[in-house]
Amino acid sequence: MENLVKDFLKQKRFAVVGSFRNEAKFAYKILVDLIKKGYEVFPVNPHMSEVEGRVCYKTISDIPHNVDVADIVTPPLVTESILKECLLKGIKRVWLQPGAESQTTIKFCYDNNMKVIHGICVMLESAKEKENL
């Protein structure tokens, strides 16, 4: 898992999918954390048009750029449909934040040759990686 985490964190463009309405929500915290660490970050939420001065895309498919990693912070049933979008967009790295995963979503990733991280938080892992530099 450590090599997989390193591979993901070497990427440049992250889509963060989740709720950004409240600064206390993890999706919002992850978005801000990744921006501060220098990543190009694309927020995705169908009910918002802007977050932190950035365009908030309605769907993964609406992002007009290639995306290296999709970081998903949604309930597992929502995650399933987002993973299908990731597959169509050609996103091969998916980070399922704790609570976003299920056996079905993890299996979907493996069945479709997507690299998947689950059960650990991107903020904690990126902080650890920064300490090791």
C-alpha atoms as a PDB file:
ATOM      1  CA  MET A   1       0.000   0.000   0.000  1.00  0.00           C
ATOM      2  CA  GLU A   2       2.900   2.374   0.739  1.00  0.00           C
ATOM      3  CA  ASN A   3       4.115   2.295  -2.889  1.00  0.00           C
ATOM      4  CA  LEU A   4       0.581   2.880  -4.119  1.00  0.00           C
ATOM      5  CA  VAL A   5       0.223   5.916  -1.843  1.00  0.00           C
ATOM      6  CA  LYS A   6       3.539   7.303  -3.122  1.00  0.00           C
ATOM      7  CA  ASP A   7       2.400   6.779  -6.718  1.00  0.00           C
ATOM      8  CA  PHE A   8      -0.869   8.619  -6.092  1.00  0.00           C
ATOM      9  CA  LEU A   9       0.813  11.527  -4.293  1.00  0.00           C
ATOM     10  CA  LYS A  10       3.299  12.016  -7.158  1.00  0.00           C
ATOM     11  CA  GLN A  11       0.411  12.869  -9.470  1.00  0.00           C
ATOM     12  CA  LYS A  12      -0.514  16.492 -10.290  1.00  0.00           C
ATOM     13  CA  ARG A  13      -4.270  16.701 -10.888  1.00  0.00           C
ATOM     14  CA  PHE A  14      -6.850  15.624  -8.335  1.00  0.00           C
ATOM     15  CA  ALA A  15     -10.630  15.700  -8.588  1.00  0.00           C
ATOM     16  CA  VAL A  16     -12.238  15.870  -5.146  1.00  0.00           C
ATOM     17  CA  VAL A  17     -15.847  14.692  -5.134  1.00  0.00           C
ATOM     18  CA  GLY A  18     -18.037  15.463  -2.146  1.00  0.00           C
ATOM     19  CA  SER A  19     -19.868  18.097  -0.133  1.00  0.00           C
ATOM     20  CA  PHE A  20     -18.176  21.479   0.171  1.00  0.00           C
ATOM     21  CA  ARG A  21     -21.043  23.433   1.788  1.00  0.00           C
ATOM     22  CA  ASN A  22     -19.505  23.282   5.248  1.00  0.00           C
ATOM     23  CA  GLU A  23     -15.839  23.971   5.979  1.00  0.00           C
ATOM     24  CA  ALA A  24     -15.959  21.271   8.679  1.00  0.00           C
ATOM     25  CA  LYS A  25     -16.749  18.554   6.089  1.00  0.00           C
ATOM     26  CA  PHE A  26     -13.881  16.303   5.033  1.00  0.00           C
ATOM     27  CA  ALA A  27     -14.304  16.972   1.317  1.00  0.00           C
ATOM     28  CA  TYR A  28     -13.786  20.682   1.949  1.00  0.00           C
ATOM     29  CA  LYS A  29     -10.786  20.054   4.216  1.00  0.00           C
ATOM     30  CA  ILE A  30      -9.220  17.694   1.664  1.00  0.00           C
ATOM     31  CA  LEU A  31      -9.765  20.197  -1.161  1.00  0.00           C
ATOM     32  CA  VAL A  32      -8.036  22.991   0.766  1.00  0.00           C
ATOM     33  CA  ASP A  33      -5.239  20.696   1.950  1.00  0.00           C
ATOM     34  CA  LEU A  34      -4.436  19.494  -1.577  1.00  0.00           C
ATOM     35  CA  ILE A  35      -4.485  23.061  -2.913  1.00  0.00           C
ATOM     36  CA  LYS A  36      -2.067  24.164  -0.173  1.00  0.00           C
ATOM     37  CA  LYS A  37       0.244  21.292  -1.090  1.00  0.00           C
ATOM     38  CA  GLY A  38       0.433  22.512  -4.678  1.00  0.00           C
ATOM     39  CA  TYR A  39      -1.855  20.092  -6.484  1.00  0.00           C
ATOM     40  CA  GLU A  40      -4.157  21.196  -9.287  1.00  0.00           C
ATOM     41  CA  VAL A  41      -7.532  20.396  -7.742  1.00  0.00           C
ATOM     42  CA  PHE A  42     -10.975  20.205  -9.322  1.00  0.00           C
ATOM     43  CA  PRO A  43     -13.947  20.194  -6.912  1.00  0.00           C
ATOM     44  CA  VAL A  44     -16.951  18.133  -8.038  1.00  0.00           C
ATOM     45  CA  ASN A  45     -20.469  18.530  -6.634  1.00  0.00           C
ATOM     46  CA  PRO A  46     -23.692  18.699  -8.662  1.00  0.00           C
ATOM     47  CA  HIS A  47     -25.206  21.348  -6.374  1.00  0.00           C
ATOM     48  CA  MET A  48     -22.452  23.957  -6.358  1.00  0.00           C
ATOM     49  CA  SER A  49     -20.860  26.180  -8.989  1.00  0.00           C
ATOM     50  CA  GLU A  50     -17.832  27.484  -7.063  1.00  0.00           C
ATOM     51  CA  VAL A  51     -15.656  26.464  -4.113  1.00  0.00           C
ATOM     52  CA  GLU A  52     -12.641  28.409  -2.830  1.00  0.00           C
ATOM     53  CA  GLY A  53     -12.713  30.584  -5.957  1.00  0.00           C
ATOM     54  CA  ARG A  54     -12.571  27.552  -8.240  1.00  0.00           C
ATOM     55  CA  VAL A  55     -15.161  26.254 -10.657  1.00  0.00           C
ATOM     56  CA  CYS A  56     -17.031  23.373  -9.065  1.00  0.00           C
ATOM     57  CA  TYR A  57     -17.924  20.835 -11.722  1.00  0.00           C
ATOM     58  CA  LYS A  58     -21.266  19.059 -11.692  1.00  0.00           C
ATOM     59  CA  THR A  59     -19.729  15.713 -12.641  1.00  0.00           C
ATOM     60  CA  ILE A  60     -16.302  14.169 -13.192  1.00  0.00           C
ATOM     61  CA  SER A  61     -17.124  14.130 -16.912  1.00  0.00           C
ATOM     62  CA  ASP A  62     -17.478  17.932 -16.919  1.00  0.00           C
ATOM     63  CA  ILE A  63     -13.850  18.530 -15.962  1.00  0.00           C
ATOM     64  CA  PRO A  64     -12.171  19.782 -19.168  1.00  0.00           C
ATOM     65  CA  HIS A  65      -8.759  18.386 -18.211  1.00  0.00           C
ATOM     66  CA  ASN A  66      -7.198  14.985 -17.678  1.00  0.00           C
ATOM     67  CA  VAL A  67      -7.409  13.934 -14.046  1.00  0.00           C
ATOM     68  CA  ASP A  68      -4.731  11.799 -12.415  1.00  0.00           C
ATOM     69  CA  VAL A  69      -6.564  10.887  -9.198  1.00  0.00           C
ATOM     70  CA  ALA A  70     -10.207  11.003  -8.150  1.00  0.00           C
ATOM     71  CA  ASP A  71     -10.530  11.461  -4.392  1.00  0.00           C
ATOM     72  CA  ILE A  72     -14.058  10.459  -3.433  1.00  0.00           C
ATOM     73  CA  VAL A  73     -15.765  11.567  -0.223  1.00  0.00           C
ATOM     74  CA  THR A  74     -19.347  10.394  -0.745  1.00  0.00           C
ATOM     75  CA  PRO A  75     -21.619   7.669   0.630  1.00  0.00           C
ATOM     76  CA  PRO A  76     -20.918   4.261  -0.969  1.00  0.00           C
ATOM     77  CA  LEU A  77     -24.090   4.257  -3.105  1.00  0.00           C
ATOM     78  CA  VAL A  78     -23.089   7.595  -4.634  1.00  0.00           C
ATOM     79  CA  THR A  79     -19.494   6.398  -4.972  1.00  0.00           C
ATOM     80  CA  GLU A  80     -20.644   3.573  -7.258  1.00  0.00           C
ATOM     81  CA  SER A  81     -21.970   5.988  -9.900  1.00  0.00           C
ATOM     82  CA  ILE A  82     -18.922   8.247  -9.573  1.00  0.00           C
ATOM     83  CA  LEU A  83     -16.629   5.288 -10.230  1.00  0.00           C
ATOM     84  CA  LYS A  84     -18.477   4.596 -13.473  1.00  0.00           C
ATOM     85  CA  GLU A  85     -17.820   8.206 -14.518  1.00  0.00           C
ATOM     86  CA  CYS A  86     -14.150   7.839 -13.592  1.00  0.00           C
ATOM     87  CA  LEU A  87     -13.911   4.770 -15.787  1.00  0.00           C
ATOM     88  CA  LEU A  88     -15.479   6.602 -18.746  1.00  0.00           C
ATOM     89  CA  LYS A  89     -13.134   9.573 -18.246  1.00  0.00           C
ATOM     90  CA  GLY A  90     -10.110   7.267 -18.117  1.00  0.00           C
ATOM     91  CA  ILE A  91      -9.188   7.934 -14.488  1.00  0.00           C
ATOM     92  CA  LYS A  92      -7.162   4.953 -13.334  1.00  0.00           C
ATOM     93  CA  ARG A  93      -6.364   6.060  -9.746  1.00  0.00           C
ATOM     94  CA  VAL A  94      -9.162   6.328  -7.208  1.00  0.00           C
ATOM     95  CA  TRP A  95      -8.805   7.245  -3.556  1.00  0.00           C
ATOM     96  CA  LEU A  96     -11.888   6.207  -1.589  1.00  0.00           C
ATOM     97  CA  GLN A  97     -11.876   8.150   1.650  1.00  0.00           C
ATOM     98  CA  PRO A  98     -12.961   6.265   4.792  1.00  0.00           C
ATOM     99  CA  GLY A  99     -16.736   5.897   4.614  1.00  0.00           C
ATOM    100  CA  ALA A 100     -16.894   6.221   0.817  1.00  0.00           C
ATOM    101  CA  GLU A 101     -15.955   2.621   0.175  1.00  0.00           C
ATOM    102  CA  SER A 102     -17.862  -0.634   0.172  1.00  0.00           C
ATOM    103  CA  GLN A 103     -17.002  -4.124  -0.984  1.00  0.00           C
ATOM    104  CA  THR A 104     -18.908  -3.343  -4.191  1.00  0.00           C
ATOM    105  CA  THR A 105     -16.937  -0.155  -4.931  1.00  0.00           C
ATOM    106  CA  ILE A 106     -13.582  -1.771  -4.183  1.00  0.00           C
ATOM    107  CA  LYS A 107     -14.461  -4.769  -6.371  1.00  0.00           C
ATOM    108  CA  PHE A 108     -15.535  -2.413  -9.181  1.00  0.00           C
ATOM    109  CA  CYS A 109     -12.111  -0.772  -9.106  1.00  0.00           C
ATOM    110  CA  TYR A 110     -10.254  -4.082  -9.195  1.00  0.00           C
ATOM    111  CA  ASP A 111     -12.534  -5.496 -11.910  1.00  0.00           C
ATOM    112  CA  ASN A 112     -11.840  -2.442 -14.079  1.00  0.00           C
ATOM    113  CA  ASN A 113      -8.070  -2.292 -13.551  1.00  0.00           C
ATOM    114  CA  MET A 114      -8.268   0.888 -11.495  1.00  0.00           C
ATOM    115  CA  LYS A 115      -5.685   1.440  -8.788  1.00  0.00           C
ATOM    116  CA  VAL A 116      -7.578   2.002  -5.552  1.00  0.00           C
ATOM    117  CA  ILE A 117      -6.693   3.208  -2.076  1.00  0.00           C
ATOM    118  CA  HIS A 118      -9.279   2.842   0.669  1.00  0.00           C
ATOM    119  CA  GLY A 119      -9.484   2.918   4.434  1.00  0.00           C
ATOM    120  CA  ILE A 120      -6.905   5.698   4.830  1.00  0.00           C
ATOM    121  CA  CYS A 121      -7.150   9.476   4.454  1.00  0.00           C
ATOM    122  CA  VAL A 122      -5.273  11.381   1.764  1.00  0.00           C
ATOM    123  CA  MET A 123      -4.536  14.259   4.173  1.00  0.00           C
ATOM    124  CA  LEU A 124      -2.811  11.992   6.682  1.00  0.00           C
ATOM    125  CA  GLU A 125      -0.847  10.150   4.017  1.00  0.00           C
ATOM    126  CA  SER A 126       0.266  13.325   2.243  1.00  0.00           C
ATOM    127  CA  ALA A 127       1.404  14.775   5.591  1.00  0.00           C
ATOM    128  CA  LYS A 128       3.438  11.601   6.263  1.00  0.00           C
ATOM    129  CA  GLU A 129       4.925  11.723   2.771  1.00  0.00           C
ATOM    130  CA  LYS A 130       5.938  15.363   3.244  1.00  0.00           C
ATOM    131  CA  GLU A 131       7.691  14.467   6.519  1.00  0.00           C
ATOM    132  CA  ASN A 132       9.683  11.780   4.709  1.00  0.00           C
ATOM    133  CA  LEU A 133      11.017  14.166   2.040  1.00  0.00           C
END
